[in-house]
Amino acid sequence: LQGEVVRLKSGTVMAEVEVKVQAGTVVAAITDASLKRLKLMTGDK
């Protein structure tokens, strides 16, 4: 699903990434290290 990052919540170990897609919103739990490695920012496609 193609989408846009609308919210990031970084924690000690895990992070939540909220992505707006055509059908609604998807929230993914990823490691905080992956969040940093991918350099995810609000507005990213």
PDB file of all heavy atoms in Angstrom:
ATOM      1  N   LEU A   1       0.836  -1.191   0.000  1.00  0.00           N
ATOM      2  CA  LEU A   1       0.000   0.000   0.000  1.00  0.00           C
ATOM      3  C   LEU A   1       0.875   1.247   0.000  1.00  0.00           C
ATOM      4  O   LEU A   1       1.757   1.397   0.855  1.00  0.00           O
ATOM      5  CB  LEU A   1      -0.907   0.012   1.236  1.00  0.00           C
ATOM      6  CG  LEU A   1      -1.728  -1.255   1.474  1.00  0.00           C
ATOM      7  CD1 LEU A   1      -2.366  -1.212   2.855  1.00  0.00           C
ATOM      8  CD2 LEU A   1      -2.766  -1.414   0.396  1.00  0.00           C
ATOM      9  N   GLN A   2       0.638   2.134  -0.946  1.00  0.00           N
ATOM     10  CA  GLN A   2       1.371   3.394  -1.011  1.00  0.00           C
ATOM     11  C   GLN A   2       0.724   4.374  -0.042  1.00  0.00           C
ATOM     12  O   GLN A   2      -0.501   4.441   0.065  1.00  0.00           O
ATOM     13  CB  GLN A   2       1.339   3.967  -2.432  1.00  0.00           C
ATOM     14  CG  GLN A   2       1.871   3.026  -3.504  1.00  0.00           C
ATOM     15  CD  GLN A   2       3.305   2.606  -3.253  1.00  0.00           C
ATOM     16  OE1 GLN A   2       4.159   3.423  -2.926  1.00  0.00           O
ATOM     17  NE2 GLN A   2       3.567   1.316  -3.383  1.00  0.00           N
ATOM     18  N   GLY A   3       1.534   5.135   0.673  1.00  0.00           N
ATOM     19  CA  GLY A   3       0.970   6.081   1.618  1.00  0.00           C
ATOM     20  C   GLY A   3       1.966   7.128   2.060  1.00  0.00           C
ATOM     21  O   GLY A   3       3.066   7.236   1.532  1.00  0.00           O
ATOM     22  N   GLU A   4       1.530   7.899   3.061  1.00  0.00           N
ATOM     23  CA  GLU A   4       2.336   8.990   3.594  1.00  0.00           C
ATOM     24  C   GLU A   4       2.388   8.881   5.113  1.00  0.00           C
ATOM     25  O   GLU A   4       1.369   8.662   5.767  1.00  0.00           O
ATOM     26  CB  GLU A   4       1.709  10.329   3.198  1.00  0.00           C
ATOM     27  CG  GLU A   4       2.463  11.532   3.712  1.00  0.00           C
ATOM     28  CD  GLU A   4       1.815  12.833   3.274  1.00  0.00           C
ATOM     29  OE1 GLU A   4       1.197  12.865   2.193  1.00  0.00           O
ATOM     30  OE2 GLU A   4       1.923  13.807   4.020  1.00  0.00           O
ATOM     31  N   VAL A   5       3.571   9.041   5.662  1.00  0.00           N
ATOM     32  CA  VAL A   5       3.745   9.004   7.110  1.00  0.00           C
ATOM     33  C   VAL A   5       3.066  10.231   7.715  1.00  0.00           C
ATOM     34  O   VAL A   5       3.348  11.359   7.311  1.00  0.00           O
ATOM     35  CB  VAL A   5       5.244   8.981   7.499  1.00  0.00           C
ATOM     36  CG1 VAL A   5       5.412   9.055   9.014  1.00  0.00           C
ATOM     37  CG2 VAL A   5       5.933   7.749   6.937  1.00  0.00           C
ATOM     38  N   VAL A   6       2.128   9.980   8.648  1.00  0.00           N
ATOM     39  CA  VAL A   6       1.409  11.103   9.267  1.00  0.00           C
ATOM     40  C   VAL A   6       1.750  11.268  10.746  1.00  0.00           C
ATOM     41  O   VAL A   6       1.484  12.332  11.319  1.00  0.00           O
ATOM     42  CB  VAL A   6      -0.126  10.972   9.089  1.00  0.00           C
ATOM     43  CG1 VAL A   6      -0.507  11.117   7.633  1.00  0.00           C
ATOM     44  CG2 VAL A   6      -0.655   9.676   9.664  1.00  0.00           C
ATOM     45  N   ARG A   7       2.327  10.240  11.372  1.00  0.00           N
ATOM     46  CA  ARG A   7       2.689  10.363  12.787  1.00  0.00           C
ATOM     47  C   ARG A   7       3.775   9.358  13.132  1.00  0.00           C
ATOM     48  O   ARG A   7       3.761   8.235  12.660  1.00  0.00           O
ATOM     49  CB  ARG A   7       1.471  10.097  13.676  1.00  0.00           C
ATOM     50  CG  ARG A   7       1.707  10.380  15.167  1.00  0.00           C
ATOM     51  CD  ARG A   7       0.465  10.127  16.002  1.00  0.00           C
ATOM     52  NE  ARG A   7       0.092   8.718  16.028  1.00  0.00           N
ATOM     53  CZ  ARG A   7       0.598   7.819  16.874  1.00  0.00           C
ATOM     54  NH1 ARG A   7       1.517   8.173  17.745  1.00  0.00           N
ATOM     55  NH2 ARG A   7       0.198   6.565  16.829  1.00  0.00           N
ATOM     56  N   LEU A   8       4.707   9.800  13.945  1.00  0.00           N
ATOM     57  CA  LEU A   8       5.781   8.941  14.445  1.00  0.00           C
ATOM     58  C   LEU A   8       5.807   9.047  15.960  1.00  0.00           C
ATOM     59  O   LEU A   8       5.690  10.144  16.510  1.00  0.00           O
ATOM     60  CB  LEU A   8       7.138   9.380  13.894  1.00  0.00           C
ATOM     61  CG  LEU A   8       7.308   9.308  12.385  1.00  0.00           C
ATOM     62  CD1 LEU A   8       8.549  10.062  11.959  1.00  0.00           C
ATOM     63  CD2 LEU A   8       7.377   7.872  11.928  1.00  0.00           C
ATOM     64  N   LYS A   9       5.931   7.902  16.622  1.00  0.00           N
ATOM     65  CA  LYS A   9       6.048   7.882  18.076  1.00  0.00           C
ATOM     66  C   LYS A   9       7.234   7.002  18.421  1.00  0.00           C
ATOM     67  O   LYS A   9       7.170   5.784  18.284  1.00  0.00           O
ATOM     68  CB  LYS A   9       4.765   7.350  18.704  1.00  0.00           C
ATOM     69  CG  LYS A   9       4.790   7.359  20.213  1.00  0.00           C
ATOM     70  CD  LYS A   9       3.468   6.856  20.777  1.00  0.00           C
ATOM     71  CE  LYS A   9       3.529   6.772  22.290  1.00  0.00           C
ATOM     72  NZ  LYS A   9       2.306   6.170  22.834  1.00  0.00           N
ATOM     73  N   SER A  10       8.312   7.638  18.819  1.00  0.00           N
ATOM     74  CA  SER A  10       9.544   6.928  19.112  1.00  0.00           C
ATOM     75  C   SER A  10       9.596   6.551  20.587  1.00  0.00           C
ATOM     76  O   SER A  10       9.222   7.342  21.456  1.00  0.00           O
ATOM     77  CB  SER A  10      10.737   7.815  18.758  1.00  0.00           C
ATOM     78  OG  SER A  10      11.939   7.137  18.987  1.00  0.00           O
ATOM     79  N   GLY A  11      10.037   5.323  20.861  1.00  0.00           N
ATOM     80  CA  GLY A  11      10.174   4.852  22.230  1.00  0.00           C
ATOM     81  C   GLY A  11      11.602   4.428  22.500  1.00  0.00           C
ATOM     82  O   GLY A  11      12.498   4.665  21.694  1.00  0.00           O
ATOM     83  N   THR A  12      11.808   3.773  23.622  1.00  0.00           N
ATOM     84  CA  THR A  12      13.149   3.316  23.984  1.00  0.00           C
ATOM     85  C   THR A  12      13.631   2.220  23.042  1.00  0.00           C
ATOM     86  O   THR A  12      14.757   2.243  22.562  1.00  0.00           O
ATOM     87  CB  THR A  12      13.164   2.792  25.430  1.00  0.00           C
ATOM     88  OG1 THR A  12      12.658   3.811  26.289  1.00  0.00           O
ATOM     89  CG2 THR A  12      14.562   2.421  25.866  1.00  0.00           C
ATOM     90  N   VAL A  13      12.739   1.261  22.749  1.00  0.00           N
ATOM     91  CA  VAL A  13      13.101   0.124  21.909  1.00  0.00           C
ATOM     92  C   VAL A  13      12.255   0.076  20.640  1.00  0.00           C
ATOM     93  O   VAL A  13      12.762  -0.190  19.559  1.00  0.00           O
ATOM     94  CB  VAL A  13      12.947  -1.208  22.685  1.00  0.00           C
ATOM     95  CG1 VAL A  13      13.230  -2.401  21.799  1.00  0.00           C
ATOM     96  CG2 VAL A  13      13.847  -1.215  23.911  1.00  0.00           C
ATOM     97  N   MET A  14      10.957   0.346  20.761  1.00  0.00           N
ATOM     98  CA  MET A  14      10.027   0.249  19.642  1.00  0.00           C
ATOM     99  C   MET A  14       9.492   1.631  19.262  1.00  0.00           C
ATOM    100  O   MET A  14       9.489   2.551  20.071  1.00  0.00           O
ATOM    101  CB  MET A  14       8.852  -0.669  19.986  1.00  0.00           C
ATOM    102  CG  MET A  14       9.248  -2.105  20.264  1.00  0.00           C
ATOM    103  SD  MET A  14      10.029  -2.931  18.856  1.00  0.00           S
ATOM    104  CE  MET A  14       8.641  -3.075  17.743  1.00  0.00           C
ATOM    105  N   ALA A  15       9.043   1.729  18.014  1.00  0.00           N
ATOM    106  CA  ALA A  15       8.443   2.961  17.507  1.00  0.00           C
ATOM    107  C   ALA A  15       7.155   2.611  16.785  1.00  0.00           C
ATOM    108  O   ALA A  15       6.999   1.507  16.271  1.00  0.00           O
ATOM    109  CB  ALA A  15       9.407   3.665  16.550  1.00  0.00           C
ATOM    110  N   GLU A  16       6.208   3.551  16.755  1.00  0.00           N
ATOM    111  CA  GLU A  16       4.981   3.401  15.985  1.00  0.00           C
ATOM    112  C   GLU A  16       5.049   4.352  14.796  1.00  0.00           C
ATOM    113  O   GLU A  16       5.410   5.512  14.948  1.00  0.00           O
ATOM    114  CB  GLU A  16       3.748   3.751  16.817  1.00  0.00           C
ATOM    115  CG  GLU A  16       3.401   2.721  17.847  1.00  0.00           C
ATOM    116  CD  GLU A  16       2.114   3.071  18.588  1.00  0.00           C
ATOM    117  OE1 GLU A  16       1.488   4.108  18.278  1.00  0.00           O
ATOM    118  OE2 GLU A  16       1.751   2.296  19.467  1.00  0.00           O
ATOM    119  N   VAL A  17       4.695   3.831  13.628  1.00  0.00           N
ATOM    120  CA  VAL A  17       4.661   4.630  12.406  1.00  0.00           C
ATOM    121  C   VAL A  17       3.235   4.572  11.872  1.00  0.00           C
ATOM    122  O   VAL A  17       2.745   3.501  11.529  1.00  0.00           O
ATOM    123  CB  VAL A  17       5.654   4.094  11.347  1.00  0.00           C
ATOM    124  CG1 VAL A  17       5.627   4.958  10.099  1.00  0.00           C
ATOM    125  CG2 VAL A  17       7.064   4.000  11.923  1.00  0.00           C
ATOM    126  N   GLU A  18       2.578   5.713  11.816  1.00  0.00           N
ATOM    127  CA  GLU A  18       1.211   5.782  11.300  1.00  0.00           C
ATOM    128  C   GLU A  18       1.270   6.286   9.863  1.00  0.00           C
ATOM    129  O   GLU A  18       1.864   7.331   9.589  1.00  0.00           O
ATOM    130  CB  GLU A  18       0.372   6.721  12.157  1.00  0.00           C
ATOM    131  CG  GLU A  18      -1.081   6.741  11.784  1.00  0.00           C
ATOM    132  CD  GLU A  18      -1.924   7.562  12.752  1.00  0.00           C
ATOM    133  OE1 GLU A  18      -1.589   7.606  13.951  1.00  0.00           O
ATOM    134  OE2 GLU A  18      -2.910   8.158  12.278  1.00  0.00           O
ATOM    135  N   VAL A  19       0.673   5.505   8.963  1.00  0.00           N
ATOM    136  CA  VAL A  19       0.733   5.814   7.537  1.00  0.00           C
ATOM    137  C   VAL A  19      -0.683   5.950   6.995  1.00  0.00           C
ATOM    138  O   VAL A  19      -1.514   5.061   7.182  1.00  0.00           O
ATOM    139  CB  VAL A  19       1.486   4.711   6.756  1.00  0.00           C
ATOM    140  CG1 VAL A  19       1.549   5.035   5.273  1.00  0.00           C
ATOM    141  CG2 VAL A  19       2.889   4.521   7.323  1.00  0.00           C
ATOM    142  N   LYS A  20      -0.955   7.056   6.330  1.00  0.00           N
ATOM    143  CA  LYS A  20      -2.253   7.263   5.684  1.00  0.00           C
ATOM    144  C   LYS A  20      -2.190   6.632   4.301  1.00  0.00           C
ATOM    145  O   LYS A  20      -1.349   6.985   3.478  1.00  0.00           O
ATOM    146  CB  LYS A  20      -2.562   8.753   5.567  1.00  0.00           C
ATOM    147  CG  LYS A  20      -3.929   9.040   4.983  1.00  0.00           C
ATOM    148  CD  LYS A  20      -4.206  10.552   5.002  1.00  0.00           C
ATOM    149  CE  LYS A  20      -5.605  10.824   4.546  1.00  0.00           C
ATOM    150  NZ  LYS A  20      -5.694  11.163   3.144  1.00  0.00           N
ATOM    151  N   VAL A  21      -3.081   5.660   4.061  1.00  0.00           N
ATOM    152  CA  VAL A  21      -3.187   4.998   2.766  1.00  0.00           C
ATOM    153  C   VAL A  21      -4.579   5.283   2.212  1.00  0.00           C
ATOM    154  O   VAL A  21      -5.433   5.829   2.911  1.00  0.00           O
ATOM    155  CB  VAL A  21      -2.926   3.475   2.872  1.00  0.00           C
ATOM    156  CG1 VAL A  21      -1.500   3.202   3.337  1.00  0.00           C
ATOM    157  CG2 VAL A  21      -3.918   2.799   3.789  1.00  0.00           C
ATOM    158  N   GLN A  22      -4.826   4.914   0.980  1.00  0.00           N
ATOM    159  CA  GLN A  22      -6.104   5.202   0.341  1.00  0.00           C
ATOM    160  C   GLN A  22      -7.286   4.673   1.144  1.00  0.00           C
ATOM    161  O   GLN A  22      -8.300   5.343   1.287  1.00  0.00           O
ATOM    162  CB  GLN A  22      -6.136   4.633  -1.078  1.00  0.00           C
ATOM    163  CG  GLN A  22      -7.402   4.985  -1.825  1.00  0.00           C
ATOM    164  CD  GLN A  22      -7.391   4.447  -3.246  1.00  0.00           C
ATOM    165  OE1 GLN A  22      -6.483   3.745  -3.658  1.00  0.00           O
ATOM    166  NE2 GLN A  22      -8.412   4.778  -4.001  1.00  0.00           N
ATOM    167  N   ALA A  23      -7.160   3.480   1.698  1.00  0.00           N
ATOM    168  CA  ALA A  23      -8.276   2.852   2.414  1.00  0.00           C
ATOM    169  C   ALA A  23      -8.428   3.348   3.848  1.00  0.00           C
ATOM    170  O   ALA A  23      -9.409   3.034   4.501  1.00  0.00           O
ATOM    171  CB  ALA A  23      -8.098   1.338   2.412  1.00  0.00           C
ATOM    172  N   GLY A  24      -7.476   4.080   4.384  1.00  0.00           N
ATOM    173  CA  GLY A  24      -7.544   4.544   5.767  1.00  0.00           C
ATOM    174  C   GLY A  24      -6.167   4.757   6.341  1.00  0.00           C
ATOM    175  O   GLY A  24      -5.316   5.382   5.712  1.00  0.00           O
ATOM    176  N   THR A  25      -5.949   4.192   7.526  1.00  0.00           N
ATOM    177  CA  THR A  25      -4.674   4.374   8.217  1.00  0.00           C
ATOM    178  C   THR A  25      -4.125   3.020   8.651  1.00  0.00           C
ATOM    179  O   THR A  25      -4.872   2.156   9.096  1.00  0.00           O
ATOM    180  CB  THR A  25      -4.869   5.266   9.460  1.00  0.00           C
ATOM    181  OG1 THR A  25      -5.416   6.513   9.052  1.00  0.00           O
ATOM    182  CG2 THR A  25      -3.555   5.533  10.156  1.00  0.00           C
ATOM    183  N   VAL A  26      -2.821   2.856   8.523  1.00  0.00           N
ATOM    184  CA  VAL A  26      -2.130   1.655   8.978  1.00  0.00           C
ATOM    185  C   VAL A  26      -1.099   2.094  10.010  1.00  0.00           C
ATOM    186  O   VAL A  26      -0.380   3.079   9.793  1.00  0.00           O
ATOM    187  CB  VAL A  26      -1.420   0.935   7.809  1.00  0.00           C
ATOM    188  CG1 VAL A  26      -0.606  -0.243   8.304  1.00  0.00           C
ATOM    189  CG2 VAL A  26      -2.411   0.502   6.757  1.00  0.00           C
ATOM    190  N   VAL A  27      -1.044   1.393  11.137  1.00  0.00           N
ATOM    191  CA  VAL A  27      -0.033   1.673  12.152  1.00  0.00           C
ATOM    192  C   VAL A  27       0.897   0.477  12.231  1.00  0.00           C
ATOM    193  O   VAL A  27       0.449  -0.656  12.410  1.00  0.00           O
ATOM    194  CB  VAL A  27      -0.668   1.945  13.536  1.00  0.00           C
ATOM    195  CG1 VAL A  27       0.417   2.203  14.580  1.00  0.00           C
ATOM    196  CG2 VAL A  27      -1.632   3.124  13.460  1.00  0.00           C
ATOM    197  N   ALA A  28       2.183   0.725  12.066  1.00  0.00           N
ATOM    198  CA  ALA A  28       3.180  -0.340  12.121  1.00  0.00           C
ATOM    199  C   ALA A  28       4.068  -0.139  13.341  1.00  0.00           C
ATOM    200  O   ALA A  28       4.455   0.991  13.660  1.00  0.00           O
ATOM    201  CB  ALA A  28       4.038  -0.326  10.858  1.00  0.00           C
ATOM    202  N   ALA A  29       4.379  -1.224  14.027  1.00  0.00           N
ATOM    203  CA  ALA A  29       5.341  -1.208  15.128  1.00  0.00           C
ATOM    204  C   ALA A  29       6.667  -1.718  14.582  1.00  0.00           C
ATOM    205  O   ALA A  29       6.751  -2.835  14.073  1.00  0.00           O
ATOM    206  CB  ALA A  29       4.857  -2.088  16.270  1.00  0.00           C
ATOM    207  N   ILE A  30       7.678  -0.866  14.642  1.00  0.00           N
ATOM    208  CA  ILE A  30       9.011  -1.230  14.174  1.00  0.00           C
ATOM    209  C   ILE A  30      10.008  -0.894  15.282  1.00  0.00           C
ATOM    210  O   ILE A  30       9.669  -0.193  16.230  1.00  0.00           O
ATOM    211  CB  ILE A  30       9.395  -0.501  12.859  1.00  0.00           C
ATOM    212  CG1 ILE A  30       9.490   1.007  13.067  1.00  0.00           C
ATOM    213  CG2 ILE A  30       8.385  -0.827  11.754  1.00  0.00           C
ATOM    214  CD1 ILE A  30      10.013   1.776  11.858  1.00  0.00           C
ATOM    215  N   THR A  31      11.224  -1.389  15.155  1.00  0.00           N
ATOM    216  CA  THR A  31      12.217  -1.042  16.164  1.00  0.00           C
ATOM    217  C   THR A  31      12.592   0.429  16.015  1.00  0.00           C
ATOM    218  O   THR A  31      12.527   1.003  14.920  1.00  0.00           O
ATOM    219  CB  THR A  31      13.489  -1.900  16.035  1.00  0.00           C
ATOM    220  OG1 THR A  31      14.101  -1.649  14.778  1.00  0.00           O
ATOM    221  CG2 THR A  31      13.174  -3.386  16.202  1.00  0.00           C
ATOM    222  N   ASP A  32      12.974   1.017  17.126  1.00  0.00           N
ATOM    223  CA  ASP A  32      13.416   2.402  17.093  1.00  0.00           C
ATOM    224  C   ASP A  32      14.674   2.537  16.226  1.00  0.00           C
ATOM    225  O   ASP A  32      14.857   3.532  15.530  1.00  0.00           O
ATOM    226  CB  ASP A  32      13.671   2.908  18.509  1.00  0.00           C
ATOM    227  CG  ASP A  32      13.654   4.423  18.589  1.00  0.00           C
ATOM    228  OD1 ASP A  32      12.614   5.021  18.252  1.00  0.00           O
ATOM    229  OD2 ASP A  32      14.694   5.010  18.956  1.00  0.00           O
ATOM    230  N   ALA A  33      15.511   1.494  16.227  1.00  0.00           N
ATOM    231  CA  ALA A  33      16.715   1.498  15.394  1.00  0.00           C
ATOM    232  C   ALA A  33      16.349   1.555  13.911  1.00  0.00           C
ATOM    233  O   ALA A  33      16.991   2.263  13.127  1.00  0.00           O
ATOM    234  CB  ALA A  33      17.573   0.266  15.684  1.00  0.00           C
ATOM    235  N   SER A  34      15.283   0.831  13.506  1.00  0.00           N
ATOM    236  CA  SER A  34      14.839   0.865  12.106  1.00  0.00           C
ATOM    237  C   SER A  34      14.296   2.237  11.739  1.00  0.00           C
ATOM    238  O   SER A  34      14.525   2.724  10.630  1.00  0.00           O
ATOM    239  CB  SER A  34      13.769  -0.196  11.860  1.00  0.00           C
ATOM    240  OG  SER A  34      14.324  -1.477  11.948  1.00  0.00           O
ATOM    241  N   LEU A  35      13.574   2.859  12.670  1.00  0.00           N
ATOM    242  CA  LEU A  35      13.058   4.213  12.441  1.00  0.00           C
ATOM    243  C   LEU A  35      14.208   5.164  12.118  1.00  0.00           C
ATOM    244  O   LEU A  35      14.143   5.938  11.152  1.00  0.00           O
ATOM    245  CB  LEU A  35      12.288   4.694  13.676  1.00  0.00           C
ATOM    246  CG  LEU A  35      11.731   6.101  13.640  1.00  0.00           C
ATOM    247  CD1 LEU A  35      10.572   6.211  12.678  1.00  0.00           C
ATOM    248  CD2 LEU A  35      11.320   6.555  15.027  1.00  0.00           C
ATOM    249  N   LYS A  36      15.275   5.059  12.883  1.00  0.00           N
ATOM    250  CA  LYS A  36      16.442   5.929  12.669  1.00  0.00           C
ATOM    251  C   LYS A  36      17.193   5.549  11.394  1.00  0.00           C
ATOM    252  O   LYS A  36      17.610   6.416  10.635  1.00  0.00           O
ATOM    253  CB  LYS A  36      17.360   5.874  13.879  1.00  0.00           C
ATOM    254  CG  LYS A  36      16.733   6.525  15.098  1.00  0.00           C
ATOM    255  CD  LYS A  36      17.572   6.358  16.337  1.00  0.00           C
ATOM    256  CE  LYS A  36      16.858   7.016  17.511  1.00  0.00           C
ATOM    257  NZ  LYS A  36      17.316   6.552  18.785  1.00  0.00           N
ATOM    258  N   ARG A  37      17.353   4.244  11.154  1.00  0.00           N
ATOM    259  CA  ARG A  37      18.090   3.794   9.962  1.00  0.00           C
ATOM    260  C   ARG A  37      17.396   4.225   8.676  1.00  0.00           C
ATOM    261  O   ARG A  37      18.036   4.626   7.706  1.00  0.00           O
ATOM    262  CB  ARG A  37      18.244   2.266   9.995  1.00  0.00           C
ATOM    263  CG  ARG A  37      19.043   1.694   8.832  1.00  0.00           C
ATOM    264  CD  ARG A  37      19.236   0.187   8.959  1.00  0.00           C
ATOM    265  NE  ARG A  37      18.031  -0.557   9.239  1.00  0.00           N
ATOM    266  CZ  ARG A  37      17.123  -0.913   8.315  1.00  0.00           C
ATOM    267  NH1 ARG A  37      17.289  -0.563   7.060  1.00  0.00           N
ATOM    268  NH2 ARG A  37      16.046  -1.601   8.642  1.00  0.00           N
ATOM    269  N   LEU A  38      16.049   4.148   8.675  1.00  0.00           N
ATOM    270  CA  LEU A  38      15.275   4.557   7.499  1.00  0.00           C
ATOM    271  C   LEU A  38      15.113   6.069   7.394  1.00  0.00           C
ATOM    272  O   LEU A  38      14.646   6.574   6.379  1.00  0.00           O
ATOM    273  CB  LEU A  38      13.889   3.900   7.534  1.00  0.00           C
ATOM    274  CG  LEU A  38      13.871   2.389   7.355  1.00  0.00           C
ATOM    275  CD1 LEU A  38      12.485   1.841   7.670  1.00  0.00           C
ATOM    276  CD2 LEU A  38      14.289   2.012   5.939  1.00  0.00           C
ATOM    277  N   LYS A  39      15.502   6.776   8.473  1.00  0.00           N
ATOM    278  CA  LYS A  39      15.378   8.245   8.519  1.00  0.00           C
ATOM    279  C   LYS A  39      13.953   8.688   8.201  1.00  0.00           C
ATOM    280  O   LYS A  39      13.731   9.628   7.438  1.00  0.00           O
ATOM    281  CB  LYS A  39      16.382   8.900   7.582  1.00  0.00           C
ATOM    282  CG  LYS A  39      17.818   8.584   7.931  1.00  0.00           C
ATOM    283  CD  LYS A  39      18.795   9.197   6.964  1.00  0.00           C
ATOM    284  CE  LYS A  39      20.198   8.803   7.377  1.00  0.00           C
ATOM    285  NZ  LYS A  39      21.060   8.546   6.273  1.00  0.00           N
ATOM    286  N   LEU A  40      12.968   7.962   8.792  1.00  0.00           N
ATOM    287  CA  LEU A  40      11.573   8.277   8.535  1.00  0.00           C
ATOM    288  C   LEU A  40      11.196   9.608   9.166  1.00  0.00           C
ATOM    289  O   LEU A  40      11.591   9.904  10.294  1.00  0.00           O
ATOM    290  CB  LEU A  40      10.663   7.182   9.086  1.00  0.00           C
ATOM    291  CG  LEU A  40      10.663   5.863   8.322  1.00  0.00           C
ATOM    292  CD1 LEU A  40       9.817   4.829   9.052  1.00  0.00           C
ATOM    293  CD2 LEU A  40      10.146   6.065   6.914  1.00  0.00           C
ATOM    294  N   MET A  41      10.412  10.375   8.420  1.00  0.00           N
ATOM    295  CA  MET A  41       9.931  11.663   8.894  1.00  0.00           C
ATOM    296  C   MET A  41       8.482  11.826   8.467  1.00  0.00           C
ATOM    297  O   MET A  41       8.052  11.245   7.466  1.00  0.00           O
ATOM    298  CB  MET A  41      10.774  12.804   8.317  1.00  0.00           C
ATOM    299  CG  MET A  41      12.215  12.783   8.776  1.00  0.00           C
ATOM    300  SD  MET A  41      13.274  14.023   7.995  1.00  0.00           S
ATOM    301  CE  MET A  41      12.308  15.489   8.092  1.00  0.00           C
ATOM    302  N   THR A  42       7.722  12.606   9.226  1.00  0.00           N
ATOM    303  CA  THR A  42       6.352  12.913   8.850  1.00  0.00           C
ATOM    304  C   THR A  42       6.357  13.525   7.456  1.00  0.00           C
ATOM    305  O   THR A  42       7.191  14.371   7.147  1.00  0.00           O
ATOM    306  CB  THR A  42       5.729  13.893   9.869  1.00  0.00           C
ATOM    307  OG1 THR A  42       5.787  13.285  11.159  1.00  0.00           O
ATOM    308  CG2 THR A  42       4.294  14.210   9.532  1.00  0.00           C
ATOM    309  N   GLY A  43       5.439  13.075   6.607  1.00  0.00           N
ATOM    310  CA  GLY A  43       5.363  13.567   5.236  1.00  0.00           C
ATOM    311  C   GLY A  43       6.067  12.686   4.221  1.00  0.00           C
ATOM    312  O   GLY A  43       5.863  12.844   3.025  1.00  0.00           O
ATOM    313  N   ASP A  44       6.892  11.758   4.686  1.00  0.00           N
ATOM    314  CA  ASP A  44       7.593  10.851   3.767  1.00  0.00           C
ATOM    315  C   ASP A  44       6.590   9.963   3.031  1.00  0.00           C
ATOM    316  O   ASP A  44       5.623   9.479   3.612  1.00  0.00           O
ATOM    317  CB  ASP A  44       8.570   9.941   4.521  1.00  0.00           C
ATOM    318  CG  ASP A  44       9.870  10.617   4.885  1.00  0.00           C
ATOM    319  OD1 ASP A  44      10.100  11.762   4.451  1.00  0.00           O
ATOM    320  OD2 ASP A  44      10.655   9.993   5.635  1.00  0.00           O
ATOM    321  N   LYS A  45       6.829   9.734   1.757  1.00  0.00           N
ATOM    322  CA  LYS A  45       6.062   8.774   0.967  1.00  0.00           C
ATOM    323  C   LYS A  45       6.711   7.411   1.184  1.00  0.00           C
ATOM    324  O   LYS A  45       7.930   7.262   1.040  1.00  0.00           O
ATOM    325  CB  LYS A  45       6.089   9.133  -0.521  1.00  0.00           C
ATOM    326  CG  LYS A  45       5.581  10.529  -0.830  1.00  0.00           C
ATOM    327  CD  LYS A  45       4.116  10.641  -0.556  1.00  0.00           C
ATOM    328  CE  LYS A  45       3.627  12.024  -0.993  1.00  0.00           C
ATOM    329  NZ  LYS A  45       2.396  12.421  -0.364  1.00  0.00           N
TER     330      LYS A  45
END
